[in-house]
Amino acid sequence: MNENKIRILQRYLRAKLSFFFNKSEIMDKNKENLILDIFNKSSFMINQKKSNRKKTHQIFSRQVFDLIRKKELLNFLQKSFIQQMFFIHNRFYLLGYLLKLKKKIKGSFWEKLLLEDKVGNPVRYFLYPKSSGNKIFQTFHLKKFDDFSNINLKKFSDVIEFGGGYGNMASTFKRINPKVNYTIFDTYEVNLLQYYYLKRLNYQVFLNNNKQKEAIYLINSLKELKLKLSTLKNKSNKLFIANWSISETPLEFRKKISFLFENFDYQLISFQSEFEKIDNYEYFLKIQINNNKKNRNSKLISVESMKNHFYLFSKINKS
């Protein structure tokens, strides 16, 4: 998170390429009430410790918490620290992703997934302002997994995502299948950011509540996560997603969540080969090998145009 000034300036200039397409949000009573609700929900966190997190995420968590406490959630996707952690925008390699997507999915529901929402005032992709770099980025990875898994994503009735960003993937899956039960496991303050974003999109969203159906659940405790998994035990069409999240998690905590890999035949994971001196490639290679010992087809695949970044894809082995 301690970026040098040159990188911050580069991000600022890339964002300015889209200034003509970006539209600032204006406060109204509904937004004000939602922001106040989230402010109140954050109160108990004031004295909470976060010692089990990497330094990078301790800093980021504090910044998100400050954003909530200052009631400055309007236009949050224009914030530099949010973009650094959660948002990809105006990178030229995304044009390659976009062109490949447009060639394959013209007129399909995939093309609709590229359409960006207004909530948070996201930076529009300057070469395709209907979308954003982030929508292009995530839709491309979904399409890669769709090609690998050979299963229609609409068939997934339940999805658990480890580290859900600001909620973009959850909103995408609600477009794919409005009836999906989608769960995000994240820190509480990031859950609150997700709550804001997804509520603004008029989805049913619940914090630490697994009793509803066809909704989005935001949880932040291992107890709740295990409880959620127990309700999915006999379901086959369930998907586990972790995009650049587990690979940024301390090894000690990864041991506590290792049960996730055992519970999902379908896995969509992406990671960087190294993070804060952790050899992620070796870590996920072991998971891939273990996956293949089960009735699964699991592969490590390089991410296009991103050096030292990889997918771990897994599916039921039907051969």
C-alpha atoms as a PDB file:
ATOM      1  CA  MET A   1       0.000   0.000   0.000  1.00  0.00           C
ATOM      2  CA  ASN A   2       3.000   2.321   0.411  1.00  0.00           C
ATOM      3  CA  GLU A   3       3.101   3.225  -3.238  1.00  0.00           C
ATOM      4  CA  ASN A   4       5.589   5.680  -4.624  1.00  0.00           C
ATOM      5  CA  LYS A   5       4.319   8.977  -5.997  1.00  0.00           C
ATOM      6  CA  ILE A   6       5.032   7.997  -9.607  1.00  0.00           C
ATOM      7  CA  ARG A   7       2.633   5.005  -9.468  1.00  0.00           C
ATOM      8  CA  ILE A   8      -0.054   7.111  -7.813  1.00  0.00           C
ATOM      9  CA  LEU A   9       0.381   9.737 -10.532  1.00  0.00           C
ATOM     10  CA  GLN A  10       0.194   7.067 -13.251  1.00  0.00           C
ATOM     11  CA  ARG A  11      -3.106   5.768 -11.866  1.00  0.00           C
ATOM     12  CA  TYR A  12      -4.452   9.310 -11.650  1.00  0.00           C
ATOM     13  CA  LEU A  13      -3.529  10.047 -15.267  1.00  0.00           C
ATOM     14  CA  ARG A  14      -5.030   6.756 -16.506  1.00  0.00           C
ATOM     15  CA  ALA A  15      -8.266   7.575 -14.706  1.00  0.00           C
ATOM     16  CA  LYS A  16      -8.311  11.021 -16.309  1.00  0.00           C
ATOM     17  CA  LEU A  17      -8.422   9.398 -19.747  1.00  0.00           C
ATOM     18  CA  SER A  18     -12.071   8.670 -18.933  1.00  0.00           C
ATOM     19  CA  PHE A  19     -13.009  12.022 -17.380  1.00  0.00           C
ATOM     20  CA  PHE A  20     -15.512  12.768 -20.152  1.00  0.00           C
ATOM     21  CA  PHE A  21     -17.490   9.573 -19.429  1.00  0.00           C
ATOM     22  CA  ASN A  22     -17.422   9.632 -15.623  1.00  0.00           C
ATOM     23  CA  LYS A  23     -20.481  11.082 -13.907  1.00  0.00           C
ATOM     24  CA  SER A  24     -20.281  12.100 -10.265  1.00  0.00           C
ATOM     25  CA  GLU A  25     -22.988  10.805  -7.970  1.00  0.00           C
ATOM     26  CA  ILE A  26     -25.227  13.267  -6.164  1.00  0.00           C
ATOM     27  CA  MET A  27     -26.411  12.703  -2.617  1.00  0.00           C
ATOM     28  CA  ASP A  28     -30.100  12.077  -1.999  1.00  0.00           C
ATOM     29  CA  LYS A  29     -32.122  10.916   1.006  1.00  0.00           C
ATOM     30  CA  ASN A  30     -31.939   7.192   0.156  1.00  0.00           C
ATOM     31  CA  LYS A  31     -28.151   7.261  -0.247  1.00  0.00           C
ATOM     32  CA  GLU A  32     -27.805   9.335   2.907  1.00  0.00           C
ATOM     33  CA  ASN A  33     -29.880   6.860   4.936  1.00  0.00           C
ATOM     34  CA  LEU A  34     -27.897   3.893   3.615  1.00  0.00           C
ATOM     35  CA  ILE A  35     -24.580   5.583   4.414  1.00  0.00           C
ATOM     36  CA  LEU A  36     -25.838   6.374   7.932  1.00  0.00           C
ATOM     37  CA  ASP A  37     -26.952   2.757   8.386  1.00  0.00           C
ATOM     38  CA  ILE A  38     -23.476   1.533   7.433  1.00  0.00           C
ATOM     39  CA  PHE A  39     -21.878   4.137   9.691  1.00  0.00           C
ATOM     40  CA  ASN A  40     -23.915   2.780  12.612  1.00  0.00           C
ATOM     41  CA  LYS A  41     -23.035  -0.821  11.723  1.00  0.00           C
ATOM     42  CA  SER A  42     -19.330   0.094  11.840  1.00  0.00           C
ATOM     43  CA  SER A  43     -19.419   1.536  15.373  1.00  0.00           C
ATOM     44  CA  PHE A  44     -18.467  -1.643  17.233  1.00  0.00           C
ATOM     45  CA  MET A  45     -15.264  -1.931  15.161  1.00  0.00           C
ATOM     46  CA  ILE A  46     -13.612   1.151  16.603  1.00  0.00           C
ATOM     47  CA  ASN A  47     -11.490  -0.814  19.086  1.00  0.00           C
ATOM     48  CA  GLN A  48     -11.163  -4.046  17.102  1.00  0.00           C
ATOM     49  CA  LYS A  49      -7.684  -5.490  16.519  1.00  0.00           C
ATOM     50  CA  LYS A  50      -6.549  -6.708  13.094  1.00  0.00           C
ATOM     51  CA  SER A  51      -3.193  -8.266  13.959  1.00  0.00           C
ATOM     52  CA  ASN A  52      -3.752 -11.436  11.884  1.00  0.00           C
ATOM     53  CA  ARG A  53      -3.599  -9.537   8.577  1.00  0.00           C
ATOM     54  CA  LYS A  54      -0.727  -8.684   6.302  1.00  0.00           C
ATOM     55  CA  LYS A  55       0.538  -5.112   6.695  1.00  0.00           C
ATOM     56  CA  THR A  56      -0.820  -4.287   3.217  1.00  0.00           C
ATOM     57  CA  HIS A  57      -4.343  -5.181   4.301  1.00  0.00           C
ATOM     58  CA  GLN A  58      -4.087  -3.584   7.729  1.00  0.00           C
ATOM     59  CA  ILE A  59      -3.457  -0.258   5.994  1.00  0.00           C
ATOM     60  CA  PHE A  60      -6.221  -0.828   3.468  1.00  0.00           C
ATOM     61  CA  SER A  61      -8.725  -1.887   6.144  1.00  0.00           C
ATOM     62  CA  ARG A  62      -8.015   1.286   8.077  1.00  0.00           C
ATOM     63  CA  GLN A  63      -8.596   3.367   4.948  1.00  0.00           C
ATOM     64  CA  VAL A  64     -11.929   1.644   4.229  1.00  0.00           C
ATOM     65  CA  PHE A  65     -12.967   2.068   7.855  1.00  0.00           C
ATOM     66  CA  ASP A  66     -12.087   5.786   7.728  1.00  0.00           C
ATOM     67  CA  LEU A  67     -14.133   6.154   4.531  1.00  0.00           C
ATOM     68  CA  ILE A  68     -17.151   4.658   6.293  1.00  0.00           C
ATOM     69  CA  ARG A  69     -16.692   6.690   9.476  1.00  0.00           C
ATOM     70  CA  LYS A  70     -16.375   9.931   7.475  1.00  0.00           C
ATOM     71  CA  LYS A  71     -19.525   8.986   5.517  1.00  0.00           C
ATOM     72  CA  GLU A  72     -17.675   9.448   2.215  1.00  0.00           C
ATOM     73  CA  LEU A  73     -18.957   6.406   0.328  1.00  0.00           C
ATOM     74  CA  LEU A  74     -20.405   8.440  -2.519  1.00  0.00           C
ATOM     75  CA  ASN A  75     -18.176   8.091  -5.636  1.00  0.00           C
ATOM     76  CA  PHE A  76     -15.984   5.622  -3.734  1.00  0.00           C
ATOM     77  CA  LEU A  77     -14.683   3.992  -6.931  1.00  0.00           C
ATOM     78  CA  GLN A  78     -12.859   7.227  -7.732  1.00  0.00           C
ATOM     79  CA  LYS A  79     -10.691   6.808  -4.617  1.00  0.00           C
ATOM     80  CA  SER A  80      -7.093   5.925  -5.453  1.00  0.00           C
ATOM     81  CA  PHE A  81      -6.656   3.351  -2.657  1.00  0.00           C
ATOM     82  CA  ILE A  82      -9.872   1.577  -3.695  1.00  0.00           C
ATOM     83  CA  GLN A  83      -8.660   1.446  -7.284  1.00  0.00           C
ATOM     84  CA  GLN A  84      -5.287   0.104  -6.195  1.00  0.00           C
ATOM     85  CA  MET A  85      -6.834  -2.854  -4.346  1.00  0.00           C
ATOM     86  CA  PHE A  86     -10.079  -3.501  -6.201  1.00  0.00           C
ATOM     87  CA  PHE A  87     -10.268  -1.812  -9.578  1.00  0.00           C
ATOM     88  CA  ILE A  88      -8.514  -2.321 -12.910  1.00  0.00           C
ATOM     89  CA  HIS A  89      -8.890   0.589 -15.316  1.00  0.00           C
ATOM     90  CA  ASN A  90      -7.514   2.000 -18.566  1.00  0.00           C
ATOM     91  CA  ARG A  91      -4.755  -0.534 -19.131  1.00  0.00           C
ATOM     92  CA  PHE A  92      -3.936  -1.246 -22.766  1.00  0.00           C
ATOM     93  CA  TYR A  93      -3.767  -5.037 -22.293  1.00  0.00           C
ATOM     94  CA  LEU A  94      -7.486  -4.928 -21.471  1.00  0.00           C
ATOM     95  CA  LEU A  95      -8.148  -3.976 -25.087  1.00  0.00           C
ATOM     96  CA  GLY A  96      -6.899  -7.445 -26.040  1.00  0.00           C
ATOM     97  CA  TYR A  97      -9.316  -8.995 -23.537  1.00  0.00           C
ATOM     98  CA  LEU A  98     -12.154  -6.850 -24.868  1.00  0.00           C
ATOM     99  CA  LEU A  99     -11.510  -7.690 -28.510  1.00  0.00           C
ATOM    100  CA  LYS A 100     -11.434 -11.415 -27.753  1.00  0.00           C
ATOM    101  CA  LEU A 101     -14.647 -11.136 -25.783  1.00  0.00           C
ATOM    102  CA  LYS A 102     -16.423  -9.102 -28.450  1.00  0.00           C
ATOM    103  CA  LYS A 103     -15.375 -11.568 -31.133  1.00  0.00           C
ATOM    104  CA  LYS A 104     -16.806 -14.537 -29.239  1.00  0.00           C
ATOM    105  CA  ILE A 105     -19.820 -13.120 -27.446  1.00  0.00           C
ATOM    106  CA  LYS A 106     -21.418 -10.524 -29.694  1.00  0.00           C
ATOM    107  CA  GLY A 107     -25.132 -10.403 -29.003  1.00  0.00           C
ATOM    108  CA  SER A 108     -24.926 -12.915 -26.149  1.00  0.00           C
ATOM    109  CA  PHE A 109     -25.577 -12.452 -22.456  1.00  0.00           C
ATOM    110  CA  TRP A 110     -21.797 -12.186 -22.018  1.00  0.00           C
ATOM    111  CA  GLU A 111     -21.879  -8.857 -23.818  1.00  0.00           C
ATOM    112  CA  LYS A 112     -24.485  -7.657 -21.333  1.00  0.00           C
ATOM    113  CA  LEU A 113     -22.145  -8.569 -18.480  1.00  0.00           C
ATOM    114  CA  LEU A 114     -19.707  -5.953 -19.758  1.00  0.00           C
ATOM    115  CA  LEU A 115     -22.165  -3.111 -19.177  1.00  0.00           C
ATOM    116  CA  GLU A 116     -21.045  -1.012 -16.231  1.00  0.00           C
ATOM    117  CA  ASP A 117     -23.323   0.278 -13.465  1.00  0.00           C
ATOM    118  CA  LYS A 118     -23.382   3.847 -12.173  1.00  0.00           C
ATOM    119  CA  VAL A 119     -22.980   3.054  -8.483  1.00  0.00           C
ATOM    120  CA  GLY A 120     -19.737   4.374  -7.020  1.00  0.00           C
ATOM    121  CA  ASN A 121     -18.923   6.380 -10.174  1.00  0.00           C
ATOM    122  CA  PRO A 122     -16.617   3.721 -11.689  1.00  0.00           C
ATOM    123  CA  VAL A 123     -13.886   4.781 -14.099  1.00  0.00           C
ATOM    124  CA  ARG A 124     -15.170   3.948 -17.579  1.00  0.00           C
ATOM    125  CA  TYR A 125     -12.813   2.206 -19.976  1.00  0.00           C
ATOM    126  CA  PHE A 126     -11.704   4.985 -22.286  1.00  0.00           C
ATOM    127  CA  LEU A 127     -11.770   2.739 -25.377  1.00  0.00           C
ATOM    128  CA  TYR A 128     -15.190   1.258 -24.554  1.00  0.00           C
ATOM    129  CA  PRO A 129     -17.080   3.590 -22.187  1.00  0.00           C
ATOM    130  CA  LYS A 130     -20.112   1.295 -21.920  1.00  0.00           C
ATOM    131  CA  SER A 131     -17.922  -0.769 -19.635  1.00  0.00           C
ATOM    132  CA  SER A 132     -15.017  -0.358 -17.236  1.00  0.00           C
ATOM    133  CA  GLY A 133     -11.628  -1.986 -17.059  1.00  0.00           C
ATOM    134  CA  ASN A 134     -12.862  -3.914 -14.064  1.00  0.00           C
ATOM    135  CA  LYS A 135     -15.919  -5.333 -15.835  1.00  0.00           C
ATOM    136  CA  ILE A 136     -13.789  -6.331 -18.817  1.00  0.00           C
ATOM    137  CA  PHE A 137     -11.174  -7.889 -16.531  1.00  0.00           C
ATOM    138  CA  GLN A 138     -13.599 -10.005 -14.515  1.00  0.00           C
ATOM    139  CA  THR A 139     -15.818 -10.973 -17.455  1.00  0.00           C
ATOM    140  CA  PHE A 140     -12.761 -12.194 -19.374  1.00  0.00           C
ATOM    141  CA  HIS A 141     -11.730 -14.453 -16.482  1.00  0.00           C
ATOM    142  CA  LEU A 142     -15.266 -15.789 -16.147  1.00  0.00           C
ATOM    143  CA  LYS A 143     -15.319 -16.599 -19.862  1.00  0.00           C
ATOM    144  CA  LYS A 144     -11.978 -18.427 -19.554  1.00  0.00           C
ATOM    145  CA  PHE A 145     -13.385 -20.519 -16.723  1.00  0.00           C
ATOM    146  CA  ASP A 146     -16.608 -21.120 -18.656  1.00  0.00           C
ATOM    147  CA  ASP A 147     -14.578 -22.448 -21.599  1.00  0.00           C
ATOM    148  CA  PHE A 148     -12.565 -24.699 -19.266  1.00  0.00           C
ATOM    149  CA  SER A 149     -15.426 -26.054 -17.156  1.00  0.00           C
ATOM    150  CA  ASN A 150     -17.816 -26.659 -20.049  1.00  0.00           C
ATOM    151  CA  ILE A 151     -20.737 -25.949 -17.717  1.00  0.00           C
ATOM    152  CA  ASN A 152     -23.151 -23.076 -18.172  1.00  0.00           C
ATOM    153  CA  LEU A 153     -22.527 -20.618 -15.323  1.00  0.00           C
ATOM    154  CA  LYS A 154     -26.301 -20.209 -14.993  1.00  0.00           C
ATOM    155  CA  LYS A 155     -26.377 -23.736 -13.577  1.00  0.00           C
ATOM    156  CA  PHE A 156     -24.430 -22.803 -10.464  1.00  0.00           C
ATOM    157  CA  SER A 157     -27.048 -22.469  -7.746  1.00  0.00           C
ATOM    158  CA  ASP A 158     -24.562 -21.528  -5.023  1.00  0.00           C
ATOM    159  CA  VAL A 159     -21.335 -19.551  -5.122  1.00  0.00           C
ATOM    160  CA  ILE A 160     -18.900 -18.753  -2.322  1.00  0.00           C
ATOM    161  CA  GLU A 161     -16.312 -16.074  -2.989  1.00  0.00           C
ATOM    162  CA  PHE A 162     -13.308 -15.606  -0.730  1.00  0.00           C
ATOM    163  CA  GLY A 163     -12.522 -11.887  -0.803  1.00  0.00           C
ATOM    164  CA  GLY A 164     -15.196 -10.183  -2.851  1.00  0.00           C
ATOM    165  CA  GLY A 165     -13.675  -6.813  -3.672  1.00  0.00           C
ATOM    166  CA  TYR A 166     -16.416  -4.202  -3.560  1.00  0.00           C
ATOM    167  CA  GLY A 167     -19.039  -6.711  -4.764  1.00  0.00           C
ATOM    168  CA  ASN A 168     -18.608  -6.577  -8.534  1.00  0.00           C
ATOM    169  CA  MET A 169     -18.401 -10.346  -9.067  1.00  0.00           C
ATOM    170  CA  ALA A 170     -21.481 -10.883  -6.904  1.00  0.00           C
ATOM    171  CA  SER A 171     -23.453  -8.383  -8.990  1.00  0.00           C
ATOM    172  CA  THR A 172     -22.198 -10.083 -12.182  1.00  0.00           C
ATOM    173  CA  PHE A 173     -23.449 -13.481 -11.000  1.00  0.00           C
ATOM    174  CA  LYS A 174     -26.810 -11.956 -10.153  1.00  0.00           C
ATOM    175  CA  ARG A 175     -26.985 -10.913 -13.809  1.00  0.00           C
ATOM    176  CA  ILE A 176     -26.032 -14.433 -14.877  1.00  0.00           C
ATOM    177  CA  ASN A 177     -28.540 -16.114 -12.571  1.00  0.00           C
ATOM    178  CA  PRO A 178     -30.879 -13.892 -10.504  1.00  0.00           C
ATOM    179  CA  LYS A 179     -31.752 -16.897  -8.321  1.00  0.00           C
ATOM    180  CA  VAL A 180     -28.180 -17.699  -7.302  1.00  0.00           C
ATOM    181  CA  ASN A 181     -27.324 -17.851  -3.610  1.00  0.00           C
ATOM    182  CA  TYR A 182     -24.088 -15.896  -3.426  1.00  0.00           C
ATOM    183  CA  THR A 183     -21.867 -15.671  -0.347  1.00  0.00           C
ATOM    184  CA  ILE A 184     -18.841 -13.420   0.155  1.00  0.00           C
ATOM    185  CA  PHE A 185     -16.362 -14.114   2.934  1.00  0.00           C
ATOM    186  CA  ASP A 186     -14.328 -11.014   3.745  1.00  0.00           C
ATOM    187  CA  THR A 187     -13.335  -8.657   6.545  1.00  0.00           C
ATOM    188  CA  TYR A 188     -16.181  -6.829   8.257  1.00  0.00           C
ATOM    189  CA  GLU A 189     -15.288  -3.362   6.995  1.00  0.00           C
ATOM    190  CA  VAL A 190     -15.036  -4.622   3.406  1.00  0.00           C
ATOM    191  CA  ASN A 191     -18.351  -6.441   3.920  1.00  0.00           C
ATOM    192  CA  LEU A 192     -19.821  -3.028   4.744  1.00  0.00           C
ATOM    193  CA  LEU A 193     -18.430  -1.578   1.514  1.00  0.00           C
ATOM    194  CA  GLN A 194     -19.945  -4.510  -0.388  1.00  0.00           C
ATOM    195  CA  TYR A 195     -23.221  -3.995   1.474  1.00  0.00           C
ATOM    196  CA  TYR A 196     -23.309  -0.372   0.306  1.00  0.00           C
ATOM    197  CA  TYR A 197     -22.552  -1.203  -3.327  1.00  0.00           C
ATOM    198  CA  LEU A 198     -24.944  -4.149  -3.622  1.00  0.00           C
ATOM    199  CA  LYS A 199     -27.770  -2.430  -1.749  1.00  0.00           C
ATOM    200  CA  ARG A 200     -27.433   0.500  -4.135  1.00  0.00           C
ATOM    201  CA  LEU A 201     -28.007  -1.999  -6.956  1.00  0.00           C
ATOM    202  CA  ASN A 202     -31.229  -3.084  -5.207  1.00  0.00           C
ATOM    203  CA  TYR A 203     -30.164  -6.640  -4.446  1.00  0.00           C
ATOM    204  CA  GLN A 204     -31.250  -8.539  -1.360  1.00  0.00           C
ATOM    205  CA  VAL A 205     -28.171  -8.383   0.857  1.00  0.00           C
ATOM    206  CA  PHE A 206     -27.697  -9.771   4.366  1.00  0.00           C
ATOM    207  CA  LEU A 207     -24.841  -9.417   6.845  1.00  0.00           C
ATOM    208  CA  ASN A 208     -24.031 -12.636   8.740  1.00  0.00           C
ATOM    209  CA  ASN A 209     -27.375 -14.191   7.874  1.00  0.00           C
ATOM    210  CA  ASN A 210     -27.627 -17.509   6.024  1.00  0.00           C
ATOM    211  CA  LYS A 211     -31.353 -18.067   6.390  1.00  0.00           C
ATOM    212  CA  GLN A 212     -32.609 -16.284   3.292  1.00  0.00           C
ATOM    213  CA  LYS A 213     -32.807 -17.657  -0.264  1.00  0.00           C
ATOM    214  CA  GLU A 214     -31.808 -16.232  -3.640  1.00  0.00           C
ATOM    215  CA  ALA A 215     -29.841 -13.476  -1.922  1.00  0.00           C
ATOM    216  CA  ILE A 216     -26.301 -12.226  -1.329  1.00  0.00           C
ATOM    217  CA  TYR A 217     -24.778 -13.043   2.035  1.00  0.00           C
ATOM    218  CA  LEU A 218     -21.816 -11.163   3.493  1.00  0.00           C
ATOM    219  CA  ILE A 219     -19.961 -13.022   6.240  1.00  0.00           C
ATOM    220  CA  ASN A 220     -16.710 -12.442   8.085  1.00  0.00           C
ATOM    221  CA  SER A 221     -16.287 -15.268  10.587  1.00  0.00           C
ATOM    222  CA  LEU A 222     -15.067 -18.818  10.063  1.00  0.00           C
ATOM    223  CA  LYS A 223     -17.963 -20.080  12.156  1.00  0.00           C
ATOM    224  CA  GLU A 224     -20.473 -18.534   9.745  1.00  0.00           C
ATOM    225  CA  LEU A 225     -18.483 -19.794   6.765  1.00  0.00           C
ATOM    226  CA  LYS A 226     -18.537 -23.379   8.042  1.00  0.00           C
ATOM    227  CA  LEU A 227     -22.236 -23.069   8.804  1.00  0.00           C
ATOM    228  CA  LYS A 228     -22.852 -21.894   5.242  1.00  0.00           C
ATOM    229  CA  LEU A 229     -20.861 -24.822   3.835  1.00  0.00           C
ATOM    230  CA  SER A 230     -22.885 -27.280   5.892  1.00  0.00           C
ATOM    231  CA  THR A 231     -26.018 -26.139   4.045  1.00  0.00           C
ATOM    232  CA  LEU A 232     -24.324 -26.856   0.684  1.00  0.00           C
ATOM    233  CA  LYS A 233     -22.993 -30.308   1.561  1.00  0.00           C
ATOM    234  CA  ASN A 234     -25.249 -32.243  -0.795  1.00  0.00           C
ATOM    235  CA  LYS A 235     -25.259 -29.737  -3.643  1.00  0.00           C
ATOM    236  CA  SER A 236     -23.195 -30.500  -6.735  1.00  0.00           C
ATOM    237  CA  ASN A 237     -23.576 -27.282  -8.750  1.00  0.00           C
ATOM    238  CA  LYS A 238     -21.625 -25.038  -6.428  1.00  0.00           C
ATOM    239  CA  LEU A 239     -18.631 -22.869  -7.271  1.00  0.00           C
ATOM    240  CA  PHE A 240     -15.745 -21.490  -5.230  1.00  0.00           C
ATOM    241  CA  ILE A 241     -14.161 -18.214  -6.386  1.00  0.00           C
ATOM    242  CA  ALA A 242     -11.009 -16.548  -5.068  1.00  0.00           C
ATOM    243  CA  ASN A 243      -9.524 -13.942  -7.398  1.00  0.00           C
ATOM    244  CA  TRP A 244      -6.200 -12.614  -6.074  1.00  0.00           C
ATOM    245  CA  SER A 245      -7.434 -12.968  -2.502  1.00  0.00           C
ATOM    246  CA  ILE A 246      -6.122 -16.202  -0.981  1.00  0.00           C
ATOM    247  CA  SER A 247      -2.749 -15.434  -2.552  1.00  0.00           C
ATOM    248  CA  GLU A 248      -2.658 -12.234  -0.437  1.00  0.00           C
ATOM    249  CA  THR A 249      -3.645 -14.027   2.772  1.00  0.00           C
ATOM    250  CA  PRO A 250      -1.147 -15.052   5.506  1.00  0.00           C
ATOM    251  CA  LEU A 251      -0.172 -18.726   5.416  1.00  0.00           C
ATOM    252  CA  GLU A 252      -1.380 -19.201   8.976  1.00  0.00           C
ATOM    253  CA  PHE A 253      -4.903 -18.171   8.002  1.00  0.00           C
ATOM    254  CA  ARG A 254      -4.801 -20.249   4.811  1.00  0.00           C
ATOM    255  CA  LYS A 255      -4.493 -23.333   6.997  1.00  0.00           C
ATOM    256  CA  LYS A 256      -7.750 -22.368   8.711  1.00  0.00           C
ATOM    257  CA  ILE A 257      -9.622 -22.161   5.406  1.00  0.00           C
ATOM    258  CA  SER A 258      -8.117 -25.226   3.730  1.00  0.00           C
ATOM    259  CA  PHE A 259     -11.462 -27.008   4.128  1.00  0.00           C
ATOM    260  CA  LEU A 260     -12.837 -24.802   1.333  1.00  0.00           C
ATOM    261  CA  PHE A 261     -10.837 -26.664  -1.317  1.00  0.00           C
ATOM    262  CA  GLU A 262     -12.174 -29.992  -0.089  1.00  0.00           C
ATOM    263  CA  ASN A 263     -15.779 -28.880  -0.494  1.00  0.00           C
ATOM    264  CA  PHE A 264     -15.802 -27.644  -4.098  1.00  0.00           C
ATOM    265  CA  ASP A 265     -15.215 -29.609  -7.280  1.00  0.00           C
ATOM    266  CA  TYR A 266     -15.568 -26.371  -9.261  1.00  0.00           C
ATOM    267  CA  GLN A 267     -12.911 -23.798  -8.404  1.00  0.00           C
ATOM    268  CA  LEU A 268     -12.103 -20.492 -10.091  1.00  0.00           C
ATOM    269  CA  ILE A 269      -8.952 -19.134  -8.477  1.00  0.00           C
ATOM    270  CA  SER A 270      -6.413 -16.610  -9.687  1.00  0.00           C
ATOM    271  CA  PHE A 271      -3.164 -15.570  -8.037  1.00  0.00           C
ATOM    272  CA  GLN A 272       0.185 -13.873  -8.420  1.00  0.00           C
ATOM    273  CA  SER A 273       3.209 -16.162  -8.179  1.00  0.00           C
ATOM    274  CA  GLU A 274       4.645 -14.295  -5.192  1.00  0.00           C
ATOM    275  CA  PHE A 275       3.231 -11.938  -2.573  1.00  0.00           C
ATOM    276  CA  GLU A 276       5.193 -10.511   0.356  1.00  0.00           C
ATOM    277  CA  LYS A 277       7.803 -13.312   0.054  1.00  0.00           C
ATOM    278  CA  ILE A 278       5.189 -16.111  -0.087  1.00  0.00           C
ATOM    279  CA  ASP A 279       5.679 -18.586  -2.940  1.00  0.00           C
ATOM    280  CA  ASN A 280       2.093 -18.773  -4.161  1.00  0.00           C
ATOM    281  CA  TYR A 281       2.868 -20.929  -7.174  1.00  0.00           C
ATOM    282  CA  GLU A 282       4.164 -23.744  -4.972  1.00  0.00           C
ATOM    283  CA  TYR A 283       1.182 -23.342  -2.634  1.00  0.00           C
ATOM    284  CA  PHE A 284      -1.432 -23.617  -5.393  1.00  0.00           C
ATOM    285  CA  LEU A 285       0.501 -26.362  -7.174  1.00  0.00           C
ATOM    286  CA  LYS A 286      -0.004 -28.522  -4.087  1.00  0.00           C
ATOM    287  CA  ILE A 287      -3.724 -27.745  -4.162  1.00  0.00           C
ATOM    288  CA  GLN A 288      -3.882 -28.643  -7.847  1.00  0.00           C
ATOM    289  CA  ILE A 289      -2.146 -31.964  -7.200  1.00  0.00           C
ATOM    290  CA  ASN A 290      -4.545 -32.710  -4.354  1.00  0.00           C
ATOM    291  CA  ASN A 291      -7.513 -31.781  -6.554  1.00  0.00           C
ATOM    292  CA  ASN A 292      -6.377 -34.245  -9.203  1.00  0.00           C
ATOM    293  CA  LYS A 293      -6.228 -37.033  -6.628  1.00  0.00           C
ATOM    294  CA  LYS A 294      -9.971 -36.591  -6.302  1.00  0.00           C
ATOM    295  CA  ASN A 295     -12.515 -36.968  -9.096  1.00  0.00           C
ATOM    296  CA  ARG A 296     -11.465 -33.604 -10.535  1.00  0.00           C
ATOM    297  CA  ASN A 297      -9.689 -32.127 -13.508  1.00  0.00           C
ATOM    298  CA  SER A 298      -7.566 -29.308 -12.149  1.00  0.00           C
ATOM    299  CA  LYS A 299      -5.037 -27.164 -14.008  1.00  0.00           C
ATOM    300  CA  LEU A 300      -2.694 -24.225 -13.484  1.00  0.00           C
ATOM    301  CA  ILE A 301      -2.925 -21.857 -16.453  1.00  0.00           C
ATOM    302  CA  SER A 302      -1.070 -18.603 -17.146  1.00  0.00           C
ATOM    303  CA  VAL A 303      -3.223 -15.469 -17.198  1.00  0.00           C
ATOM    304  CA  GLU A 304      -2.968 -13.788 -20.582  1.00  0.00           C
ATOM    305  CA  SER A 305      -0.994 -10.525 -20.677  1.00  0.00           C
ATOM    306  CA  MET A 306      -0.180 -10.728 -16.952  1.00  0.00           C
ATOM    307  CA  LYS A 307       3.321 -12.028 -16.276  1.00  0.00           C
ATOM    308  CA  ASN A 308       3.652 -14.274 -13.220  1.00  0.00           C
ATOM    309  CA  HIS A 309      -0.123 -14.479 -12.709  1.00  0.00           C
ATOM    310  CA  PHE A 310      -2.028 -17.761 -12.938  1.00  0.00           C
ATOM    311  CA  TYR A 311      -5.422 -19.410 -12.767  1.00  0.00           C
ATOM    312  CA  LEU A 312      -6.165 -22.543 -10.793  1.00  0.00           C
ATOM    313  CA  PHE A 313      -9.226 -24.013 -12.502  1.00  0.00           C
ATOM    314  CA  SER A 314     -10.953 -27.143 -11.298  1.00  0.00           C
ATOM    315  CA  LYS A 315     -14.003 -29.129 -12.438  1.00  0.00           C
ATOM    316  CA  ILE A 316     -15.511 -32.582 -12.061  1.00  0.00           C
ATOM    317  CA  ASN A 317     -13.584 -35.110 -14.105  1.00  0.00           C
ATOM    318  CA  LYS A 318     -16.133 -36.755 -16.372  1.00  0.00           C
ATOM    319  CA  SER A 319     -13.669 -38.742 -18.474  1.00  0.00           C
END
